Protein backbone atom coordinates (compact mmCIF):
# COMPACT_ATOMS: atom_id res chain seq x y z
CA UNK A 1 0.00 0.00 0.00
CA UNK A 2 2.64 2.53 1.06
CA UNK A 3 4.83 1.84 -1.99
CA UNK A 4 1.87 2.50 -4.31
CA UNK A 5 0.94 5.70 -2.44
CA UNK A 6 4.52 6.94 -2.67
CA UNK A 7 4.52 6.21 -6.42
CA UNK A 8 1.19 8.03 -6.84
CA UNK A 9 2.42 11.11 -5.00
CA UNK A 10 5.83 11.07 -6.69
CA UNK A 11 4.23 11.08 -10.14
CA UNK A 12 1.76 13.76 -9.08
CA UNK A 13 4.50 16.10 -7.88
CA UNK A 14 7.16 15.38 -10.52
CA UNK A 15 5.00 15.29 -13.62
CA UNK A 16 2.68 18.21 -13.00
CA UNK A 17 4.59 20.74 -10.89
CA UNK A 18 6.37 22.10 -13.97
CA UNK A 19 5.26 25.74 -14.28
CA UNK A 20 7.64 28.45 -12.98
CA UNK A 21 5.13 29.39 -10.28
CA UNK A 22 5.03 25.74 -9.13
CA UNK A 23 8.69 25.66 -8.14
CA UNK A 24 8.11 26.66 -4.52
CA UNK A 25 8.19 24.25 -1.61
CA UNK A 26 4.49 24.79 -0.85
CA UNK A 27 3.33 24.21 -4.43
CA UNK A 28 5.59 21.20 -4.97
CA UNK A 29 5.30 19.43 -1.61
CA UNK A 30 2.13 20.63 0.08
CA UNK A 31 -0.47 21.49 -2.57
CA UNK A 32 -0.65 17.95 -4.09
CA UNK A 33 -1.66 16.57 -0.69
CA UNK A 34 -4.53 19.06 -0.42
CA UNK A 35 -6.20 18.08 -3.69
CA UNK A 36 -9.40 16.05 -3.51
CA UNK A 37 -8.16 13.62 -6.18
CA UNK A 38 -5.12 12.77 -4.07
CA UNK A 39 -7.32 12.13 -1.04
CA UNK A 40 -9.57 9.79 -3.06
CA UNK A 41 -6.60 7.79 -4.36
CA UNK A 42 -5.21 7.36 -0.84
CA UNK A 43 -8.62 6.20 0.41
CA UNK A 44 -8.75 3.64 -2.42
CA UNK A 45 -5.25 2.34 -1.58
CA UNK A 46 -6.24 2.00 2.08
CA UNK A 47 -9.48 0.17 1.23
CA UNK A 48 -7.72 -2.20 -1.15
CA UNK A 49 -5.21 -3.04 1.59
CA UNK A 50 -7.54 -3.51 4.56
CA UNK A 51 -9.45 -6.35 2.92
CA UNK A 52 -6.15 -8.28 2.67
CA UNK A 53 -5.28 -8.03 6.37
CA UNK A 54 -4.88 -11.54 7.76
CA UNK A 55 -5.97 -11.05 11.39
CA UNK A 56 -9.82 -11.24 11.41
CA UNK A 57 -10.50 -8.87 14.30
CA UNK A 58 -8.13 -6.18 13.04
CA UNK A 59 -9.43 -6.63 9.48
CA UNK A 60 -13.04 -6.03 10.57
CA UNK A 61 -12.10 -2.92 12.54
CA UNK A 62 -10.15 -1.53 9.60
CA UNK A 63 -12.92 -2.38 7.13
CA UNK A 64 -15.44 -0.53 9.28
CA UNK A 65 -13.09 2.47 9.43
CA UNK A 66 -12.60 2.34 5.66
CA UNK A 67 -16.35 2.25 4.95
CA UNK A 68 -16.91 5.42 6.96
CA UNK A 69 -13.91 7.16 5.38
CA UNK A 70 -15.03 6.11 1.89
CA UNK A 71 -18.52 7.54 2.41
CA UNK A 72 -16.98 10.79 3.65
CA UNK A 73 -14.70 10.80 0.62
CA UNK A 74 -17.64 10.41 -1.78
CA UNK A 75 -19.58 13.19 -0.03
CA UNK A 76 -16.66 15.62 0.01
CA UNK A 77 -14.97 14.86 -3.32
CA UNK A 78 -17.65 13.28 -5.50
CA UNK A 79 -15.17 10.49 -6.32
CA UNK A 80 -15.67 6.76 -5.86
CA UNK A 81 -12.89 4.29 -6.67
CA UNK A 82 -14.15 0.80 -5.92
CA UNK A 83 -11.70 -0.97 -3.61
CA UNK A 84 -11.82 -4.17 -5.73
CA UNK A 85 -10.15 -2.40 -8.66
CA UNK A 86 -6.61 -3.55 -9.38
CA UNK A 87 -4.75 -0.31 -10.11
CA UNK A 88 -1.04 -0.01 -10.70
CA UNK A 89 1.24 2.60 -9.12
CA UNK A 90 1.44 6.18 -10.35
CA UNK A 91 -2.35 6.67 -10.41
CA UNK A 92 -3.29 10.37 -10.57
CA UNK A 93 -6.69 12.09 -10.40
CA UNK A 94 -6.91 15.77 -11.28
CA UNK A 95 -9.73 17.95 -10.01
CA UNK A 96 -12.79 16.28 -8.50
CA UNK A 97 -16.51 15.52 -8.77
CA UNK A 98 -18.42 12.99 -10.82
CA UNK A 99 -15.64 10.39 -11.01
CA UNK A 100 -16.47 6.68 -10.86
CA UNK A 101 -13.84 3.96 -11.30
CA UNK A 102 -15.13 0.41 -11.57
CA UNK A 103 -12.65 -1.52 -13.70
CA UNK A 104 -11.19 -5.02 -13.81
CA UNK A 105 -7.60 -3.80 -14.04
CA UNK A 106 -5.81 -0.51 -14.62
CA UNK A 107 -2.10 -0.38 -15.35
CA UNK A 108 0.53 1.98 -13.99
CA UNK A 109 0.83 5.73 -14.64
CA UNK A 110 -2.81 6.40 -15.55
CA UNK A 111 -4.44 9.83 -15.22
CA UNK A 112 -8.11 10.77 -14.78
CA UNK A 113 -9.81 14.16 -14.91
CA UNK A 114 -13.16 15.40 -13.61
CA UNK A 115 -16.33 13.70 -14.77
CA UNK A 116 -14.67 10.45 -15.88
CA UNK A 117 -16.68 7.27 -15.48
CA UNK A 118 -15.23 3.79 -15.98
CA UNK A 119 -18.25 1.58 -15.46
CA UNK A 120 -20.04 -1.68 -16.15
CA UNK A 121 -23.15 -2.35 -18.22
CA UNK A 122 -25.94 -3.52 -15.91
CA UNK A 123 -23.32 -4.80 -13.52
CA UNK A 124 -21.69 -7.09 -16.09
CA UNK A 125 -18.26 -6.66 -17.62
CA UNK A 126 -15.47 -4.37 -16.47
CA UNK A 127 -12.81 -2.61 -18.50
CA UNK A 128 -9.17 -3.69 -18.69
CA UNK A 129 -6.90 -0.68 -19.13
CA UNK A 130 -3.21 -0.67 -19.99
CA UNK A 131 -0.30 1.43 -18.81
CA UNK A 132 0.22 5.19 -19.15
CA UNK A 133 -3.30 6.12 -20.26
CA UNK A 134 -4.96 9.53 -20.04
CA UNK A 135 -8.71 10.11 -19.67
CA UNK A 136 -9.96 13.61 -20.48
CA UNK A 137 -12.70 15.44 -18.63
CA UNK A 138 -16.15 13.92 -18.95
CA UNK A 139 -15.18 10.82 -20.90
CA UNK A 140 -16.87 7.46 -20.30
CA UNK A 141 -15.60 3.90 -20.64
CA UNK A 142 -18.48 1.45 -20.76
CA UNK A 143 -18.44 -2.33 -20.36
CA UNK A 144 -15.80 -5.02 -20.74
CA UNK A 145 -13.60 -3.17 -23.23
CA UNK A 146 -9.83 -3.47 -23.46
CA UNK A 147 -7.73 -0.32 -23.73
CA UNK A 148 -4.06 -0.67 -24.64
CA UNK A 149 -0.96 1.19 -23.46
CA UNK A 150 -0.24 4.88 -24.15
CA UNK A 151 -3.85 5.71 -24.99
CA UNK A 152 -5.44 9.17 -24.82
CA UNK A 153 -9.23 9.28 -24.45
CA UNK A 154 -10.30 12.80 -25.36
CA UNK A 155 -12.74 14.85 -23.31
CA UNK A 156 -16.42 13.84 -23.46
CA UNK A 157 -15.72 10.72 -25.54
CA UNK A 158 -17.60 7.46 -24.94
CA UNK A 159 -15.56 4.28 -25.33
CA UNK A 160 -17.74 1.25 -26.08
CA UNK A 161 -15.23 -0.97 -27.95
CA UNK A 162 -11.58 -1.94 -27.68
CA UNK A 163 -8.88 0.68 -28.22
CA UNK A 164 -5.42 -0.28 -29.57
CA UNK A 165 -2.22 0.83 -27.92
CA UNK A 166 -0.77 4.17 -28.97
CA UNK A 167 -4.11 5.61 -30.06
CA UNK A 168 -5.91 8.86 -29.38
CA UNK A 169 -9.69 8.50 -29.53
CA UNK A 170 -12.44 11.10 -29.78
CA UNK A 171 -16.20 11.17 -30.22
CA UNK A 172 -19.42 9.35 -29.37
CA UNK A 173 -18.75 6.51 -29.88
CA UNK A 174 -15.00 7.05 -29.63
CA UNK A 175 -13.04 6.72 -32.89
CA UNK A 176 -9.29 6.61 -33.42
CA UNK A 177 -8.06 10.00 -34.64
CA UNK A 178 -4.32 9.42 -34.18
CA UNK A 179 -1.92 6.50 -33.93
CA UNK A 180 1.03 8.50 -32.59
CA UNK A 181 2.77 6.59 -29.78
CA UNK A 182 3.59 9.80 -27.93
CA UNK A 183 1.37 12.60 -26.67
CA UNK A 184 1.76 15.70 -24.54
CA UNK A 185 -0.88 14.20 -22.25
CA UNK A 186 1.17 11.09 -21.48
CA UNK A 187 3.50 12.55 -18.89
CA UNK A 188 6.25 10.84 -16.94
CA UNK A 189 5.24 7.17 -16.61
CA UNK A 190 6.82 5.69 -13.50
CA UNK A 191 8.33 2.92 -15.62
CA UNK A 192 8.98 2.60 -19.35
CA UNK A 193 6.19 1.41 -21.64
CA UNK A 194 7.39 -0.63 -24.62
CA UNK A 195 7.35 1.60 -27.69
CA UNK A 196 7.65 -1.42 -30.00
CA UNK A 197 4.57 -3.07 -28.52
CA UNK A 198 2.68 0.17 -28.97
CA UNK A 199 3.87 0.63 -32.54
CA UNK A 200 3.09 -2.92 -33.61
CA UNK A 201 -0.33 -3.18 -32.00
CA UNK A 202 -3.45 -3.42 -34.15
CA UNK A 203 -6.99 -2.17 -33.60
CA UNK A 204 -9.41 -4.72 -32.22
CA UNK A 205 -11.73 -4.13 -35.18
CA UNK A 206 -10.31 -3.17 -38.60
CA UNK A 207 -11.35 0.31 -39.68
CA UNK A 208 -13.30 0.84 -42.86
CA UNK A 209 -11.28 2.36 -45.70
CA UNK A 210 -13.32 5.54 -45.63
CA UNK A 211 -12.60 6.39 -42.00
CA UNK A 212 -9.50 7.22 -40.03
CA UNK A 213 -10.08 4.24 -37.74
CA UNK A 214 -12.60 2.87 -35.30
CA UNK A 215 -11.67 1.76 -31.82
């Protein structure tokens, strides 16, 4: 738990405190801890850990504590990250409000903005998301889709089918608009993501000749 929290905070401070006005001790070392998104990520890490505690009595006490903290977190921040998610280190949430994360697995170095929902369809099927992905404000990921590495989901897009690695998607439903393996939105992954795997990956569904690509 603590290693993942350290990785989350390290990526938050190193990747996004880059403006000249951010180079003060307060902005670099204090402000990230005061953001609602940071609080929600820490609550998720704690909840994911307490259910793995081996001693039954201590586990039940910690679970009860987590449930109260999680409700307070949802009321204050408007963010709910289900504790059963498997999320890699370097997880960053910017801003707050209207964020729901209910996925099967999320890789390392992923970033979410306000209004993002990663959700099931009628309680069936959860998304599998790769490493170093960025989700713009208001976007939705629906159902048991698979999203590759180094993917950018543009603001207000709705992902309802698989997305190949190295893609930028936009629209309702989301369509591939770029296959560049790099993007200004994919900042400072905590560990390298294979560029060759991204370059060689193929879309889950071949795109018609008349379009730029369909995820």
